[in-house]
């Protein structure tokens, strides 16, 4: 009886450890996604700020290029974040 009880307690401890590990992975995945989104928004804002500066100078073409560069960098950051998120979920 004592051995059976010990085995049950050990099994529950292992199960609880696995559940905690899965929860930690999901949390880290959400953090990675949030960080990537924040970086993406920052890149877009930088591109927009540079574009506004160029528009003030009268360089409309260069302003559009700066906006496009900001959006491209933001898309790259989002892709990196998605990859990190999927990697953490897979663990």
Protein backbone atom coordinates (compact mmCIF):
# COMPACT_ATOMS: atom_id res chain seq x y z
CA UNK A 1 0.00 0.00 0.00
CA UNK A 2 2.79 2.37 0.92
CA UNK A 3 4.62 1.67 -2.37
CA UNK A 4 1.47 2.26 -4.41
CA UNK A 5 0.84 5.56 -2.63
CA UNK A 6 4.44 6.61 -3.25
CA UNK A 7 4.13 5.76 -6.94
CA UNK A 8 0.90 7.77 -7.22
CA UNK A 9 2.50 10.80 -5.54
CA UNK A 10 5.54 10.56 -7.83
CA UNK A 11 3.30 10.30 -10.89
CA UNK A 12 1.31 13.36 -9.85
CA UNK A 13 4.53 15.31 -9.29
CA UNK A 14 5.76 14.44 -12.78
CA UNK A 15 2.40 15.37 -14.30
CA UNK A 16 2.34 18.70 -12.45
CA UNK A 17 5.87 19.45 -13.64
CA UNK A 18 4.89 18.82 -17.24
CA UNK A 19 1.85 21.10 -16.97
CA UNK A 20 3.96 23.88 -15.44
CA UNK A 21 6.52 23.51 -18.22
CA UNK A 22 3.86 23.87 -20.93
CA UNK A 23 2.43 26.95 -19.23
CA UNK A 24 5.89 28.55 -19.05
CA UNK A 25 6.43 27.92 -22.77
CA UNK A 26 3.13 29.57 -23.68
CA UNK A 27 3.96 32.57 -21.51
CA UNK A 28 7.37 32.98 -23.13
CA UNK A 29 5.78 32.67 -26.57
CA UNK A 30 3.38 35.51 -25.73
CA UNK A 31 6.26 37.63 -24.43
CA UNK A 32 8.25 37.05 -27.63
CA UNK A 33 5.24 38.01 -29.74
CA UNK A 34 4.74 41.18 -27.70
CA UNK A 35 8.38 42.18 -27.99
CA UNK A 36 8.34 41.67 -31.74
CA UNK A 37 5.18 43.73 -32.13
CA UNK A 38 6.70 46.52 -30.05
CA UNK A 39 9.86 46.53 -32.18
CA UNK A 40 7.78 46.51 -35.36
CA UNK A 41 5.76 49.50 -34.25
CA UNK A 42 8.96 51.31 -33.33
CA UNK A 43 10.42 50.68 -36.80
CA UNK A 44 7.26 51.97 -38.45
CA UNK A 45 7.32 55.07 -36.27
CA UNK A 46 10.97 55.73 -37.13
CA UNK A 47 10.20 55.39 -40.82
CA UNK A 48 7.25 57.74 -40.52
CA UNK A 49 9.33 60.31 -38.60
CA UNK A 50 12.02 60.24 -41.28
CA UNK A 51 9.36 60.52 -43.96
CA UNK A 52 7.83 63.58 -42.32
CA UNK A 53 11.26 65.17 -42.08
CA UNK A 54 11.85 64.57 -45.80
CA UNK A 55 8.41 65.91 -46.69
CA UNK A 56 9.21 69.07 -44.76
CA UNK A 57 12.28 69.46 -46.96
CA UNK A 58 10.14 68.92 -50.04
CA UNK A 59 11.49 65.47 -50.96
CA UNK A 60 8.29 63.52 -51.52
CA UNK A 61 10.01 60.62 -53.25
CA UNK A 62 12.53 60.16 -50.45
CA UNK A 63 9.69 60.41 -47.92
CA UNK A 64 7.90 57.51 -49.58
CA UNK A 65 11.12 55.50 -49.58
CA UNK A 66 11.55 56.09 -45.84
CA UNK A 67 7.98 54.96 -45.17
CA UNK A 68 8.53 51.84 -47.26
CA UNK A 69 11.79 51.08 -45.44
CA UNK A 70 10.03 51.45 -42.08
CA UNK A 71 7.23 49.12 -43.12
CA UNK A 72 9.70 46.58 -44.50
CA UNK A 73 11.73 46.56 -41.29
CA UNK A 74 8.52 46.25 -39.27
CA UNK A 75 7.44 43.25 -41.33
CA UNK A 76 10.84 41.66 -40.71
CA UNK A 77 10.51 42.17 -36.96
CA UNK A 78 7.03 40.65 -37.00
CA UNK A 79 8.33 37.63 -38.90
CA UNK A 80 11.16 37.16 -36.40
CA UNK A 81 8.68 37.41 -33.55
CA UNK A 82 6.36 34.86 -35.12
CA UNK A 83 9.28 32.47 -35.62
CA UNK A 84 10.34 32.84 -31.98
CA UNK A 85 6.75 32.40 -30.84
CA UNK A 86 6.33 29.18 -32.82
CA UNK A 87 9.70 27.92 -31.56
CA UNK A 88 8.62 28.45 -27.93
CA UNK A 89 5.25 26.82 -28.52
CA UNK A 90 6.95 23.80 -30.05
CA UNK A 91 9.07 23.21 -26.93
